[in-house]
Amino acid sequence: MKNFLLFSLMVGIVVALILWWSPELRHQASDLLRDTGLKSTSATLYKWQNKQGIWQYTQNPPPEGVPYKKVEARSDVNVLPLPEQLKPDD
């Protein structure tokens, strides 16, 4: 067991060094983690109201002069409400 842990540690160190020296491999590893869901991703969205008072969420800022808030949208967070059939009975 001790030899296995030592071997695993050595492999981890070698992989870390390879990723550190190769930005391309580091980028590919990051993409792989993101695509498999092991690494969360986020995007900046802009929340603002249009002239009719309807809330808008866009990736680009609203027209100049329109007040807005920046919202961080994460891929690992559910923003939808829980459906009625999944809510616990009280």
PDB file of N, CA and C in Angstrom:
ATOM      1  N   MET A   1       0.828  -1.191   0.000  1.00  0.00           N
ATOM      2  CA  MET A   1       0.000   0.000   0.000  1.00  0.00           C
ATOM      3  C   MET A   1       0.878   1.261   0.000  1.00  0.00           C
ATOM      4  N   LYS A   2       1.938   1.218   0.788  1.00  0.00           N
ATOM      5  CA  LYS A   2       2.850   2.359   0.861  1.00  0.00           C
ATOM      6  C   LYS A   2       3.503   2.611  -0.494  1.00  0.00           C
ATOM      7  N   ASN A   3       3.895   1.539  -1.189  1.00  0.00           N
ATOM      8  CA  ASN A   3       4.506   1.682  -2.514  1.00  0.00           C
ATOM      9  C   ASN A   3       3.516   2.253  -3.524  1.00  0.00           C
ATOM     10  N   PHE A   4       2.252   1.840  -3.428  1.00  0.00           N
ATOM     11  CA  PHE A   4       1.226   2.348  -4.342  1.00  0.00           C
ATOM     12  C   PHE A   4       1.039   3.849  -4.146  1.00  0.00           C
ATOM     13  N   LEU A   5       0.974   4.296  -2.881  1.00  0.00           N
ATOM     14  CA  LEU A   5       0.811   5.722  -2.613  1.00  0.00           C
ATOM     15  C   LEU A   5       2.014   6.522  -3.092  1.00  0.00           C
ATOM     16  N   LEU A   6       3.189   5.991  -2.892  1.00  0.00           N
ATOM     17  CA  LEU A   6       4.402   6.657  -3.353  1.00  0.00           C
ATOM     18  C   LEU A   6       4.424   6.755  -4.884  1.00  0.00           C
ATOM     19  N   PHE A   7       4.041   5.663  -5.552  1.00  0.00           N
ATOM     20  CA  PHE A   7       3.973   5.656  -7.012  1.00  0.00           C
ATOM     21  C   PHE A   7       2.940   6.677  -7.509  1.00  0.00           C
ATOM     22  N   SER A   8       1.764   6.727  -6.863  1.00  0.00           N
ATOM     23  CA  SER A   8       0.716   7.677  -7.255  1.00  0.00           C
ATOM     24  C   SER A   8       1.200   9.115  -7.083  1.00  0.00           C
ATOM     25  N   LEU A   9       1.901   9.366  -6.003  1.00  0.00           N
ATOM     26  CA  LEU A   9       2.441  10.698  -5.766  1.00  0.00           C
ATOM     27  C   LEU A   9       3.444  11.079  -6.848  1.00  0.00           C
ATOM     28  N   MET A  10       4.310  10.156  -7.220  1.00  0.00           N
ATOM     29  CA  MET A  10       5.307  10.420  -8.267  1.00  0.00           C
ATOM     30  C   MET A  10       4.624  10.705  -9.609  1.00  0.00           C
ATOM     31  N   VAL A  11       3.612   9.915  -9.948  1.00  0.00           N
ATOM     32  CA  VAL A  11       2.885  10.138 -11.205  1.00  0.00           C
ATOM     33  C   VAL A  11       2.217  11.507 -11.182  1.00  0.00           C
ATOM     34  N   GLY A  12       1.616  11.880 -10.065  1.00  0.00           N
ATOM     35  CA  GLY A  12       0.983  13.189  -9.940  1.00  0.00           C
ATOM     36  C   GLY A  12       1.966  14.329 -10.128  1.00  0.00           C
ATOM     37  N   ILE A  13       3.146  14.183  -9.556  1.00  0.00           N
ATOM     38  CA  ILE A  13       4.180  15.215  -9.700  1.00  0.00           C
ATOM     39  C   ILE A  13       4.633  15.337 -11.146  1.00  0.00           C
ATOM     40  N   VAL A  14       4.828  14.199 -11.806  1.00  0.00           N
ATOM     41  CA  VAL A  14       5.251  14.223 -13.215  1.00  0.00           C
ATOM     42  C   VAL A  14       4.178  14.883 -14.081  1.00  0.00           C
ATOM     43  N   VAL A  15       2.908  14.535 -13.865  1.00  0.00           N
ATOM     44  CA  VAL A  15       1.818  15.135 -14.646  1.00  0.00           C
ATOM     45  C   VAL A  15       1.764  16.646 -14.387  1.00  0.00           C
ATOM     46  N   ALA A  16       1.906  17.063 -13.134  1.00  0.00           N
ATOM     47  CA  ALA A  16       1.878  18.488 -12.808  1.00  0.00           C
ATOM     48  C   ALA A  16       3.012  19.236 -13.498  1.00  0.00           C
ATOM     49  N   LEU A  17       4.196  18.652 -13.509  1.00  0.00           N
ATOM     50  CA  LEU A  17       5.332  19.299 -14.177  1.00  0.00           C
ATOM     51  C   LEU A  17       5.117  19.394 -15.681  1.00  0.00           C
ATOM     52  N   ILE A  18       4.593  18.348 -16.285  1.00  0.00           N
ATOM     53  CA  ILE A  18       4.328  18.374 -17.732  1.00  0.00           C
ATOM     54  C   ILE A  18       3.307  19.464 -18.060  1.00  0.00           C
ATOM     55  N   LEU A  19       2.238  19.550 -17.262  1.00  0.00           N
ATOM     56  CA  LEU A  19       1.213  20.568 -17.517  1.00  0.00           C
ATOM     57  C   LEU A  19       1.757  21.973 -17.283  1.00  0.00           C
ATOM     58  N   TRP A  20       2.664  22.124 -16.322  1.00  0.00           N
ATOM     59  CA  TRP A  20       3.220  23.434 -16.050  1.00  0.00           C
ATOM     60  C   TRP A  20       4.112  23.903 -17.195  1.00  0.00           C
ATOM     61  N   TRP A  21       4.885  22.995 -17.768  1.00  0.00           N
ATOM     62  CA  TRP A  21       5.800  23.370 -18.840  1.00  0.00           C
ATOM     63  C   TRP A  21       5.117  23.484 -20.197  1.00  0.00           C
ATOM     64  N   SER A  22       3.937  22.933 -20.350  1.00  0.00           N
ATOM     65  CA  SER A  22       3.266  22.968 -21.646  1.00  0.00           C
ATOM     66  C   SER A  22       1.921  23.693 -21.530  1.00  0.00           C
ATOM     67  N   PRO A  23       1.883  24.972 -21.896  1.00  0.00           N
ATOM     68  CA  PRO A  23       0.620  25.717 -21.820  1.00  0.00           C
ATOM     69  C   PRO A  23      -0.484  25.093 -22.674  1.00  0.00           C
ATOM     70  N   GLU A  24      -0.113  24.502 -23.820  1.00  0.00           N
ATOM     71  CA  GLU A  24      -1.116  23.879 -24.690  1.00  0.00           C
ATOM     72  C   GLU A  24      -1.771  22.687 -23.991  1.00  0.00           C
ATOM     73  N   LEU A  25      -0.976  21.844 -23.345  1.00  0.00           N
ATOM     74  CA  LEU A  25      -1.547  20.708 -22.605  1.00  0.00           C
ATOM     75  C   LEU A  25      -2.370  21.185 -21.413  1.00  0.00           C
ATOM     76  N   ARG A  26      -1.902  22.247 -20.759  1.00  0.00           N
ATOM     77  CA  ARG A  26      -2.648  22.806 -19.625  1.00  0.00           C
ATOM     78  C   ARG A  26      -4.011  23.298 -20.092  1.00  0.00           C
ATOM     79  N   HIS A  27      -4.054  23.959 -21.239  1.00  0.00           N
ATOM     80  CA  HIS A  27      -5.317  24.452 -21.798  1.00  0.00           C
ATOM     81  C   HIS A  27      -6.238  23.282 -22.161  1.00  0.00           C
ATOM     82  N   GLN A  28      -5.684  22.232 -22.771  1.00  0.00           N
ATOM     83  CA  GLN A  28      -6.488  21.066 -23.124  1.00  0.00           C
ATOM     84  C   GLN A  28      -7.032  20.370 -21.882  1.00  0.00           C
ATOM     85  N   ALA A  29      -6.216  20.269 -20.835  1.00  0.00           N
ATOM     86  CA  ALA A  29      -6.675  19.644 -19.589  1.00  0.00           C
ATOM     87  C   ALA A  29      -7.791  20.463 -18.961  1.00  0.00           C
ATOM     88  N   SER A  30      -7.667  21.781 -18.999  1.00  0.00           N
ATOM     89  CA  SER A  30      -8.715  22.645 -18.458  1.00  0.00           C
ATOM     90  C   SER A  30     -10.015  22.486 -19.241  1.00  0.00           C
ATOM     91  N   ASP A  31      -9.921  22.432 -20.573  1.00  0.00           N
ATOM     92  CA  ASP A  31     -11.103  22.222 -21.410  1.00  0.00           C
ATOM     93  C   ASP A  31     -11.755  20.874 -21.112  1.00  0.00           C
ATOM     94  N   LEU A  32     -10.936  19.841 -20.925  1.00  0.00           N
ATOM     95  CA  LEU A  32     -11.462  18.508 -20.625  1.00  0.00           C
ATOM     96  C   LEU A  32     -12.203  18.510 -19.293  1.00  0.00           C
ATOM     97  N   LEU A  33     -11.635  19.137 -18.278  1.00  0.00           N
ATOM     98  CA  LEU A  33     -12.310  19.212 -16.982  1.00  0.00           C
ATOM     99  C   LEU A  33     -13.622  19.982 -17.087  1.00  0.00           C
ATOM    100  N   ARG A  34     -13.628  21.073 -17.848  1.00  0.00           N
ATOM    101  CA  ARG A  34     -14.848  21.856 -18.014  1.00  0.00           C
ATOM    102  C   ARG A  34     -15.914  21.063 -18.760  1.00  0.00           C
ATOM    103  N   ASP A  35     -15.518  20.363 -19.833  1.00  0.00           N
ATOM    104  CA  ASP A  35     -16.475  19.608 -20.637  1.00  0.00           C
ATOM    105  C   ASP A  35     -17.065  18.422 -19.890  1.00  0.00           C
ATOM    106  N   THR A  36     -16.317  17.839 -18.964  1.00  0.00           N
ATOM    107  CA  THR A  36     -16.822  16.710 -18.198  1.00  0.00           C
ATOM    108  C   THR A  36     -17.616  17.156 -16.983  1.00  0.00           C
ATOM    109  N   GLY A  37     -17.652  18.456 -16.715  1.00  0.00           N
ATOM    110  CA  GLY A  37     -18.405  18.969 -15.583  1.00  0.00           C
ATOM    111  C   GLY A  37     -17.626  18.971 -14.281  1.00  0.00           C
ATOM    112  N   LEU A  38     -16.355  18.629 -14.315  1.00  0.00           N
ATOM    113  CA  LEU A  38     -15.543  18.619 -13.103  1.00  0.00           C
ATOM    114  C   LEU A  38     -15.037  20.008 -12.740  1.00  0.00           C
ATOM    115  N   LYS A  39     -15.131  20.927 -13.681  1.00  0.00           N
ATOM    116  CA  LYS A  39     -14.701  22.301 -13.432  1.00  0.00           C
ATOM    117  C   LYS A  39     -15.849  23.214 -13.841  1.00  0.00           C
ATOM    118  N   SER A  40     -16.267  24.073 -12.927  1.00  0.00           N
ATOM    119  CA  SER A  40     -17.381  24.952 -13.249  1.00  0.00           C
ATOM    120  C   SER A  40     -16.910  26.082 -14.159  1.00  0.00           C
ATOM    121  N   THR A  41     -17.819  26.551 -14.952  1.00  0.00           N
ATOM    122  CA  THR A  41     -17.536  27.693 -15.808  1.00  0.00           C
ATOM    123  C   THR A  41     -18.521  28.806 -15.445  1.00  0.00           C
ATOM    124  N   SER A  42     -18.156  30.002 -15.747  1.00  0.00           N
ATOM    125  CA  SER A  42     -19.050  31.116 -15.476  1.00  0.00           C
ATOM    126  C   SER A  42     -18.983  32.108 -16.621  1.00  0.00           C
ATOM    127  N   ALA A  43     -20.021  32.888 -16.714  1.00  0.00           N
ATOM    128  CA  ALA A  43     -20.094  33.931 -17.736  1.00  0.00           C
ATOM    129  C   ALA A  43     -20.686  35.176 -17.095  1.00  0.00           C
ATOM    130  N   THR A  44     -20.248  36.326 -17.542  1.00  0.00           N
ATOM    131  CA  THR A  44     -20.807  37.580 -17.051  1.00  0.00           C
ATOM    132  C   THR A  44     -21.985  37.958 -17.924  1.00  0.00           C
ATOM    133  N   LEU A  45     -23.133  38.156 -17.284  1.00  0.00           N
ATOM    134  CA  LEU A  45     -24.341  38.590 -17.979  1.00  0.00           C
ATOM    135  C   LEU A  45     -24.729  39.971 -17.464  1.00  0.00           C
ATOM    136  N   TYR A  46     -25.487  40.684 -18.271  1.00  0.00           N
ATOM    137  CA  TYR A  46     -25.954  42.006 -17.906  1.00  0.00           C
ATOM    138  C   TYR A  46     -27.472  41.954 -17.746  1.00  0.00           C
ATOM    139  N   LYS A  47     -27.945  42.405 -16.577  1.00  0.00           N
ATOM    140  CA  LYS A  47     -29.379  42.410 -16.276  1.00  0.00           C
ATOM    141  C   LYS A  47     -29.858  43.853 -16.337  1.00  0.00           C
ATOM    142  N   TRP A  48     -30.871  44.093 -17.176  1.00  0.00           N
ATOM    143  CA  TRP A  48     -31.385  45.439 -17.328  1.00  0.00           C
ATOM    144  C   TRP A  48     -32.822  45.383 -17.816  1.00  0.00           C
ATOM    145  N   GLN A  49     -33.559  46.486 -17.679  1.00  0.00           N
ATOM    146  CA  GLN A  49     -34.948  46.551 -18.132  1.00  0.00           C
ATOM    147  C   GLN A  49     -35.037  47.354 -19.425  1.00  0.00           C
ATOM    148  N   ASN A  50     -35.834  46.820 -20.370  1.00  0.00           N
ATOM    149  CA  ASN A  50     -36.036  47.570 -21.611  1.00  0.00           C
ATOM    150  C   ASN A  50     -37.104  48.646 -21.401  1.00  0.00           C
ATOM    151  N   LYS A  51     -37.476  49.361 -22.454  1.00  0.00           N
ATOM    152  CA  LYS A  51     -38.423  50.474 -22.344  1.00  0.00           C
ATOM    153  C   LYS A  51     -39.804  50.026 -21.879  1.00  0.00           C
ATOM    154  N   GLN A  52     -40.146  48.747 -22.139  1.00  0.00           N
ATOM    155  CA  GLN A  52     -41.441  48.220 -21.720  1.00  0.00           C
ATOM    156  C   GLN A  52     -41.397  47.682 -20.278  1.00  0.00           C
ATOM    157  N   GLY A  53     -40.246  47.737 -19.636  1.00  0.00           N
ATOM    158  CA  GLY A  53     -40.118  47.275 -18.257  1.00  0.00           C
ATOM    159  C   GLY A  53     -39.841  45.788 -18.128  1.00  0.00           C
ATOM    160  N   ILE A  54     -39.540  45.120 -19.245  1.00  0.00           N
ATOM    161  CA  ILE A  54     -39.260  43.686 -19.224  1.00  0.00           C
ATOM    162  C   ILE A  54     -37.774  43.474 -18.955  1.00  0.00           C
ATOM    163  N   TRP A  55     -37.476  42.577 -18.004  1.00  0.00           N
ATOM    164  CA  TRP A  55     -36.075  42.298 -17.671  1.00  0.00           C
ATOM    165  C   TRP A  55     -35.383  41.584 -18.816  1.00  0.00           C
ATOM    166  N   GLN A  56     -34.178  42.021 -19.107  1.00  0.00           N
ATOM    167  CA  GLN A  56     -33.356  41.443 -20.163  1.00  0.00           C
ATOM    168  C   GLN A  56     -32.068  40.908 -19.547  1.00  0.00           C
ATOM    169  N   TYR A  57     -31.620  39.753 -20.016  1.00  0.00           N
ATOM    170  CA  TYR A  57     -30.326  39.192 -19.629  1.00  0.00           C
ATOM    171  C   TYR A  57     -29.537  39.003 -20.919  1.00  0.00           C
ATOM    172  N   THR A  58     -28.447  39.724 -21.062  1.00  0.00           N
ATOM    173  CA  THR A  58     -27.663  39.652 -22.290  1.00  0.00           C
ATOM    174  C   THR A  58     -26.180  39.498 -21.962  1.00  0.00           C
ATOM    175  N   GLN A  59     -25.428  39.037 -22.960  1.00  0.00           N
ATOM    176  CA  GLN A  59     -23.982  38.911 -22.793  1.00  0.00           C
ATOM    177  C   GLN A  59     -23.268  40.222 -23.083  1.00  0.00           C
ATOM    178  N   ASN A  60     -23.955  41.147 -23.710  1.00  0.00           N
ATOM    179  CA  ASN A  60     -23.387  42.461 -24.031  1.00  0.00           C
ATOM    180  C   ASN A  60     -24.076  43.524 -23.186  1.00  0.00           C
ATOM    181  N   PRO A  61     -23.371  44.592 -22.834  1.00  0.00           N
ATOM    182  CA  PRO A  61     -24.003  45.658 -22.051  1.00  0.00           C
ATOM    183  C   PRO A  61     -25.184  46.267 -22.809  1.00  0.00           C
ATOM    184  N   PRO A  62     -26.149  46.810 -22.068  1.00  0.00           N
ATOM    185  CA  PRO A  62     -27.303  47.443 -22.725  1.00  0.00           C
ATOM    186  C   PRO A  62     -26.887  48.744 -23.407  1.00  0.00           C
ATOM    187  N   PRO A  63     -27.825  49.353 -24.122  1.00  0.00           N
ATOM    188  CA  PRO A  63     -27.504  50.637 -24.761  1.00  0.00           C
ATOM    189  C   PRO A  63     -27.038  51.661 -23.717  1.00  0.00           C
ATOM    190  N   GLU A  64     -26.245  52.602 -24.165  1.00  0.00           N
ATOM    191  CA  GLU A  64     -25.682  53.612 -23.268  1.00  0.00           C
ATOM    192  C   GLU A  64     -26.799  54.382 -22.561  1.00  0.00           C
ATOM    193  N   GLY A  65     -26.604  54.608 -21.262  1.00  0.00           N
ATOM    194  CA  GLY A  65     -27.572  55.353 -20.476  1.00  0.00           C
ATOM    195  C   GLY A  65     -28.589  54.475 -19.764  1.00  0.00           C
ATOM    196  N   VAL A  66     -28.631  53.190 -20.069  1.00  0.00           N
ATOM    197  CA  VAL A  66     -29.573  52.274 -19.427  1.00  0.00           C
ATOM    198  C   VAL A  66     -28.892  51.660 -18.201  1.00  0.00           C
ATOM    199  N   PRO A  67     -29.505  51.803 -17.010  1.00  0.00           N
ATOM    200  CA  PRO A  67     -28.877  51.207 -15.820  1.00  0.00           C
ATOM    201  C   PRO A  67     -28.920  49.680 -15.887  1.00  0.00           C
ATOM    202  N   TYR A  68     -27.877  49.042 -15.385  1.00  0.00           N
ATOM    203  CA  TYR A  68     -27.792  47.581 -15.430  1.00  0.00           C
ATOM    204  C   TYR A  68     -27.000  47.059 -14.243  1.00  0.00           C
ATOM    205  N   LYS A  69     -27.096  45.750 -14.029  1.00  0.00           N
ATOM    206  CA  LYS A  69     -26.288  45.065 -13.026  1.00  0.00           C
ATOM    207  C   LYS A  69     -25.559  43.932 -13.717  1.00  0.00           C
ATOM    208  N   LYS A  70     -24.332  43.689 -13.283  1.00  0.00           N
ATOM    209  CA  LYS A  70     -23.589  42.530 -13.786  1.00  0.00           C
ATOM    210  C   LYS A  70     -23.980  41.321 -12.946  1.00  0.00           C
ATOM    211  N   VAL A  71     -24.251  40.193 -13.626  1.00  0.00           N
ATOM    212  CA  VAL A  71     -24.637  38.959 -12.960  1.00  0.00           C
ATOM    213  C   VAL A  71     -23.669  37.868 -13.388  1.00  0.00           C
ATOM    214  N   GLU A  72     -23.146  37.120 -12.429  1.00  0.00           N
ATOM    215  CA  GLU A  72     -22.237  36.016 -12.742  1.00  0.00           C
ATOM    216  C   GLU A  72     -23.072  34.734 -12.843  1.00  0.00           C
ATOM    217  N   ALA A  73     -23.121  34.143 -14.022  1.00  0.00           N
ATOM    218  CA  ALA A  73     -23.876  32.911 -14.249  1.00  0.00           C
ATOM    219  C   ALA A  73     -22.895  31.742 -14.238  1.00  0.00           C
ATOM    220  N   ARG A  74     -23.102  30.798 -13.308  1.00  0.00           N
ATOM    221  CA  ARG A  74     -22.202  29.653 -13.181  1.00  0.00           C
ATOM    222  C   ARG A  74     -22.867  28.400 -13.734  1.00  0.00           C
ATOM    223  N   SER A  75     -22.062  27.538 -14.323  1.00  0.00           N
ATOM    224  CA  SER A  75     -22.601  26.315 -14.925  1.00  0.00           C
ATOM    225  C   SER A  75     -22.975  25.261 -13.893  1.00  0.00           C
ATOM    226  N   ASP A  76     -22.470  25.378 -12.666  1.00  0.00           N
ATOM    227  CA  ASP A  76     -22.748  24.368 -11.659  1.00  0.00           C
ATOM    228  C   ASP A  76     -23.860  24.773 -10.689  1.00  0.00           C
ATOM    229  N   VAL A  77     -24.612  25.820 -11.017  1.00  0.00           N
ATOM    230  CA  VAL A  77     -25.683  26.291 -10.153  1.00  0.00           C
ATOM    231  C   VAL A  77     -26.993  26.264 -10.931  1.00  0.00           C
ATOM    232  N   ASN A  78     -28.016  25.692 -10.324  1.00  0.00           N
ATOM    233  CA  ASN A  78     -29.331  25.634 -10.948  1.00  0.00           C
ATOM    234  C   ASN A  78     -30.102  26.898 -10.593  1.00  0.00           C
ATOM    235  N   VAL A  79     -30.529  27.629 -11.595  1.00  0.00           N
ATOM    236  CA  VAL A  79     -31.251  28.869 -11.348  1.00  0.00           C
ATOM    237  C   VAL A  79     -32.750  28.710 -11.559  1.00  0.00           C
ATOM    238  N   LEU A  80     -33.187  27.521 -11.917  1.00  0.00           N
ATOM    239  CA  LEU A  80     -34.608  27.279 -12.133  1.00  0.00           C
ATOM    240  C   LEU A  80     -35.276  26.860 -10.830  1.00  0.00           C
ATOM    241  N   PRO A  81     -36.541  27.235 -10.634  1.00  0.00           N
ATOM    242  CA  PRO A  81     -37.228  26.811  -9.415  1.00  0.00           C
ATOM    243  C   PRO A  81     -37.485  25.303  -9.439  1.00  0.00           C
ATOM    244  N   LEU A  82     -37.607  24.715  -8.257  1.00  0.00           N
ATOM    245  CA  LEU A  82     -37.871  23.293  -8.126  1.00  0.00           C
ATOM    246  C   LEU A  82     -39.301  23.003  -8.572  1.00  0.00           C
ATOM    247  N   PRO A  83     -39.512  22.053  -9.497  1.00  0.00           N
ATOM    248  CA  PRO A  83     -40.875  21.722  -9.935  1.00  0.00           C
ATOM    249  C   PRO A  83     -41.726  21.225  -8.770  1.00  0.00           C
ATOM    250  N   GLU A  84     -43.025  21.453  -8.855  1.00  0.00           N
ATOM    251  CA  GLU A  84     -43.965  21.079  -7.780  1.00  0.00           C
ATOM    252  C   GLU A  84     -43.862  19.590  -7.430  1.00  0.00           C
ATOM    253  N   GLN A  85     -43.732  18.707  -8.444  1.00  0.00           N
ATOM    254  CA  GLN A  85     -43.703  17.264  -8.182  1.00  0.00           C
ATOM    255  C   GLN A  85     -42.440  16.830  -7.446  1.00  0.00           C
ATOM    256  N   LEU A  86     -41.399  17.666  -7.408  1.00  0.00           N
ATOM    257  CA  LEU A  86     -40.174  17.329  -6.701  1.00  0.00           C
ATOM    258  C   LEU A  86     -40.089  17.942  -5.310  1.00  0.00           C
ATOM    259  N   LYS A  87     -41.031  18.835  -4.981  1.00  0.00           N
ATOM    260  CA  LYS A  87     -41.009  19.455  -3.660  1.00  0.00           C
ATOM    261  C   LYS A  87     -41.487  18.454  -2.609  1.00  0.00           C
ATOM    262  N   PRO A  88     -40.847  18.474  -1.435  1.00  0.00           N
ATOM    263  CA  PRO A  88     -41.251  17.525  -0.382  1.00  0.00           C
ATOM    264  C   PRO A  88     -42.651  17.864   0.167  1.00  0.00           C
ATOM    265  N   ASP A  89     -43.369  16.840   0.572  1.00  0.00           N
ATOM    266  CA  ASP A  89     -44.690  17.033   1.169  1.00  0.00           C
ATOM    267  C   ASP A  89     -44.525  17.480   2.614  1.00  0.00           C
ATOM    268  N   ASP A  90     -45.262  18.510   3.005  1.00  0.00           N
ATOM    269  CA  ASP A  90     -45.167  19.002   4.401  1.00  0.00           C
ATOM    270  C   ASP A  90     -46.286  18.456   5.227  1.00  0.00           C
TER     271      ASP A  90
END
